Protein backbone atom coordinates (compact mmCIF):
# COMPACT_ATOMS: atom_id res chain seq x y z
CA UNK A 1 6.42 6.64 21.86
CA UNK A 2 3.44 8.38 20.28
CA UNK A 3 0.80 6.18 18.63
CA UNK A 4 -1.79 6.93 15.95
CA UNK A 5 -4.52 6.84 18.62
CA UNK A 6 -2.81 9.69 20.51
CA UNK A 7 -2.93 12.02 17.52
CA UNK A 8 -5.13 12.55 14.50
CA UNK A 9 -4.55 10.17 11.60
CA UNK A 10 -2.56 11.94 8.90
CA UNK A 11 -3.83 11.80 5.31
CA UNK A 12 -0.86 11.93 2.94
CA UNK A 13 -1.20 12.14 -0.85
CA UNK A 14 1.73 11.55 -3.16
CA UNK A 15 1.16 12.95 -6.65
CA UNK A 16 3.46 11.50 -9.29
CA UNK A 17 3.73 11.63 -13.04
CA UNK A 18 6.40 8.94 -12.93
CA UNK A 19 9.31 11.36 -12.50
CA UNK A 20 9.24 11.49 -8.68
CA UNK A 21 11.97 9.22 -7.31
CA UNK A 22 10.20 6.51 -5.27
CA UNK A 23 13.04 5.98 -2.79
CA UNK A 24 13.47 9.69 -2.06
CA UNK A 25 9.72 10.10 -1.60
CA UNK A 26 9.48 7.04 0.66
CA UNK A 27 12.35 8.33 2.79
CA UNK A 28 10.69 11.74 3.17
CA UNK A 29 7.23 10.30 3.91
CA UNK A 30 8.75 7.95 6.52
CA UNK A 31 9.69 11.04 8.56
CA UNK A 32 6.01 12.03 8.81
CA UNK A 33 4.29 8.66 8.73
CA UNK A 34 2.97 6.96 11.86
CA UNK A 35 1.23 3.58 12.02
CA UNK A 36 -2.41 4.06 11.05
CA UNK A 37 -1.85 7.04 8.75
CA UNK A 38 -3.35 6.83 5.28
CA UNK A 39 -1.10 7.23 2.25
CA UNK A 40 -2.51 7.50 -1.26
CA UNK A 41 -0.19 7.45 -4.26
CA UNK A 42 -1.92 8.83 -7.31
CA UNK A 43 -1.30 10.10 -10.76
CA UNK A 44 -3.35 12.55 -12.78
CA UNK A 45 -3.24 11.99 -16.51
CA UNK A 46 -3.98 14.80 -18.92
CA UNK A 47 -6.17 12.98 -21.41
CA UNK A 48 -9.38 14.18 -23.03
CA UNK A 49 -11.10 10.91 -22.09
CA UNK A 50 -14.64 11.98 -22.85
CA UNK A 51 -13.68 13.11 -26.34
CA UNK A 52 -11.75 9.93 -27.08
CA UNK A 53 -14.57 7.79 -25.72
CA UNK A 54 -17.13 9.51 -27.94
CA UNK A 55 -14.78 9.28 -30.91
CA UNK A 56 -14.24 5.56 -30.50
CA UNK A 57 -17.93 4.89 -29.75
CA UNK A 58 -19.26 6.73 -32.78
CA UNK A 59 -16.43 6.31 -35.24
CA UNK A 60 -15.71 2.61 -34.86
CA UNK A 61 -19.39 1.66 -34.86
CA UNK A 62 -20.15 3.78 -37.89
CA UNK A 63 -17.12 2.57 -39.87
CA UNK A 64 -17.93 -1.05 -39.06
CA UNK A 65 -21.59 -0.64 -40.10
CA UNK A 66 -20.65 1.06 -43.39
CA UNK A 67 -18.08 -1.62 -44.28
CA UNK A 68 -20.44 -4.49 -43.49
CA UNK A 69 -23.40 -2.85 -45.31
CA UNK A 70 -21.21 -2.47 -48.42
CA UNK A 71 -20.41 -6.17 -48.25
CA UNK A 72 -16.72 -5.69 -47.51
CA UNK A 73 -14.75 -8.32 -45.69
CA UNK A 74 -13.21 -6.93 -42.53
CA UNK A 75 -9.40 -6.87 -42.48
CA UNK A 76 -7.23 -7.46 -39.43
CA UNK A 77 -7.23 -3.77 -38.47
CA UNK A 78 -10.99 -3.57 -38.95
CA UNK A 79 -11.53 -6.64 -36.78
CA UNK A 80 -9.36 -5.10 -34.06
CA UNK A 81 -11.42 -1.91 -34.24
CA UNK A 82 -14.65 -3.90 -34.25
CA UNK A 83 -13.65 -5.44 -30.90
CA UNK A 84 -13.98 -1.96 -29.40
CA UNK A 85 -17.71 -2.27 -29.98
CA UNK A 86 -19.34 -4.80 -27.67
CA UNK A 87 -22.97 -5.71 -27.18
CA UNK A 88 -24.18 -4.95 -23.69
CA UNK A 89 -26.70 -7.40 -22.20
CA UNK A 90 -30.21 -5.97 -22.09
CA UNK A 91 -29.38 -3.00 -24.30
CA UNK A 92 -30.36 -2.39 -27.89
CA UNK A 93 -27.56 -1.67 -30.32
CA UNK A 94 -23.84 -1.60 -29.76
CA UNK A 95 -21.95 0.48 -27.23
CA UNK A 96 -18.32 0.86 -26.38
CA UNK A 97 -17.52 -0.88 -23.11
CA UNK A 98 -15.37 1.85 -21.56
CA UNK A 99 -13.30 -0.57 -19.51
CA UNK A 100 -12.32 -2.41 -22.71
CA UNK A 101 -11.36 0.49 -24.93
CA UNK A 102 -7.71 0.89 -25.91
CA UNK A 103 -7.82 4.36 -24.35
CA UNK A 104 -8.87 2.99 -20.95
CA UNK A 105 -6.37 0.14 -21.20
CA UNK A 106 -3.59 2.63 -21.97
CA UNK A 107 -4.65 4.83 -19.04
CA UNK A 108 -4.67 1.87 -16.65
CA UNK A 109 -1.23 0.77 -17.87
CA UNK A 110 0.20 4.28 -17.54
CA UNK A 111 -1.24 4.66 -14.05
CA UNK A 112 0.18 1.28 -13.03
CA UNK A 113 3.61 2.21 -14.42
CA UNK A 114 3.60 5.54 -12.58
CA UNK A 115 2.31 4.39 -9.18
CA UNK A 116 3.57 0.82 -8.66
CA UNK A 117 7.25 1.71 -8.03
CA UNK A 118 6.18 4.33 -5.46
CA UNK A 119 3.85 1.93 -3.62
CA UNK A 120 6.63 -0.71 -3.62
CA UNK A 121 9.20 1.75 -2.21
CA UNK A 122 6.76 2.84 0.50
CA UNK A 123 6.03 -0.79 1.36
CA UNK A 124 9.77 -1.48 1.61
CA UNK A 125 9.97 1.43 4.08
CA UNK A 126 7.16 -0.08 6.18
CA UNK A 127 4.52 2.35 4.94
CA UNK A 128 1.11 1.06 3.93
CA UNK A 129 -0.13 2.82 0.77
CA UNK A 130 -2.70 2.43 -1.94
CA UNK A 131 -2.70 3.68 -5.53
CA UNK A 132 -5.28 5.53 -7.59
CA UNK A 133 -5.45 7.50 -10.79
CA UNK A 134 -7.40 10.45 -12.06
CA UNK A 135 -7.92 11.90 -15.50
CA UNK A 136 -7.82 15.57 -16.28
CA UNK A 137 -8.28 17.74 -19.33
CA UNK A 138 -5.42 20.20 -19.12
CA UNK A 139 -6.00 21.18 -15.48
CA UNK A 140 -3.71 18.83 -13.58
CA UNK A 141 -3.18 21.11 -10.58
CA UNK A 142 -6.92 21.71 -10.20
CA UNK A 143 -7.57 17.96 -10.43
CA UNK A 144 -5.00 17.28 -7.71
CA UNK A 145 -6.41 20.06 -5.50
CA UNK A 146 -9.90 18.61 -5.90
CA UNK A 147 -8.59 15.15 -4.88
CA UNK A 148 -6.78 16.66 -1.88
CA UNK A 149 -10.02 18.28 -0.72
CA UNK A 150 -12.04 15.14 -1.35
CA UNK A 151 -9.62 12.97 0.67
CA UNK A 152 -9.05 15.69 3.28
CA UNK A 153 -5.30 15.29 2.87
CA UNK A 154 -3.07 17.33 5.13
CA UNK A 155 0.17 16.70 3.25
CA UNK A 156 0.82 16.55 -0.49
CA UNK A 157 4.13 15.11 -1.68
CA UNK A 158 5.29 16.11 -5.17
CA UNK A 159 8.47 16.18 -7.23
CA UNK A 160 10.19 19.47 -7.88
CA UNK A 161 9.35 19.16 -11.55
CA UNK A 162 7.89 16.60 -13.88
CA UNK A 163 7.67 16.49 -17.64
CA UNK A 164 7.00 20.24 -18.02
CA UNK A 165 10.04 22.34 -18.92
CA UNK A 166 9.03 26.01 -18.77
CA UNK A 167 8.14 27.05 -15.22
CA UNK A 168 11.64 27.43 -13.81
CA UNK A 169 12.95 25.53 -10.79
CA UNK A 170 9.52 24.16 -9.90
CA UNK A 171 7.23 22.71 -12.55
CA UNK A 172 4.00 24.48 -13.48
CA UNK A 173 1.79 21.98 -11.63
CA UNK A 174 4.05 22.17 -8.58
CA UNK A 175 4.00 25.96 -8.64
CA UNK A 176 0.20 26.00 -8.71
CA UNK A 177 0.00 23.43 -5.90
CA UNK A 178 2.36 25.40 -3.68
CA UNK A 179 0.25 28.55 -4.21
CA UNK A 180 -3.25 27.07 -4.15
CA UNK A 181 -3.35 23.71 -2.34
CA UNK A 182 -5.43 23.49 0.84
CA UNK A 183 -2.68 21.39 2.48
CA UNK A 184 1.03 21.54 3.15
CA UNK A 185 3.17 20.64 0.15
CA UNK A 186 6.36 18.64 0.55
CA UNK A 187 8.60 19.02 -2.49
CA UNK A 188 11.08 16.23 -3.21
CA UNK A 189 14.13 17.35 -5.17
CA UNK A 190 15.71 14.97 -7.68
CA UNK A 191 18.28 12.65 -6.14
């Protein structure tokens, strides 16, 4: 039987938006996977993070300062917004702690929801995998291609279509990956 030391370790990336069936993907990956291969399950979320971060940083701080300067008592919603602004040790003024913003919390929760079932299905199939998430601003396929290059993946596993509805039999991200990805693309059809 062939071992991982007798061949090059295979880098496999599974891109999911939560619509890829974990069991079908795990079954397909098991056909390629050998002990020692590296499997990364990831999701790319189309969120203008930088814009939202700047909005929360400037807007919440400014609204809080104006309300307090006018002598207004903060209401429950204002106090919740004020918690977005935290004082950083050794820094003057207030800044938004990016790991504590509702935007970042929502992104982490979405990533967890999208990747955890896939990692669990792979684990059940005897495949060691890790999860990661990326953010993108309307260029999901380009973000995935960049990650594939960065991780030197040789195989990308995707669903035949995700949440998009207008590209035909293969979703728009999938179509772009099939045409442009620097690795083989394994497309999993819905079960």
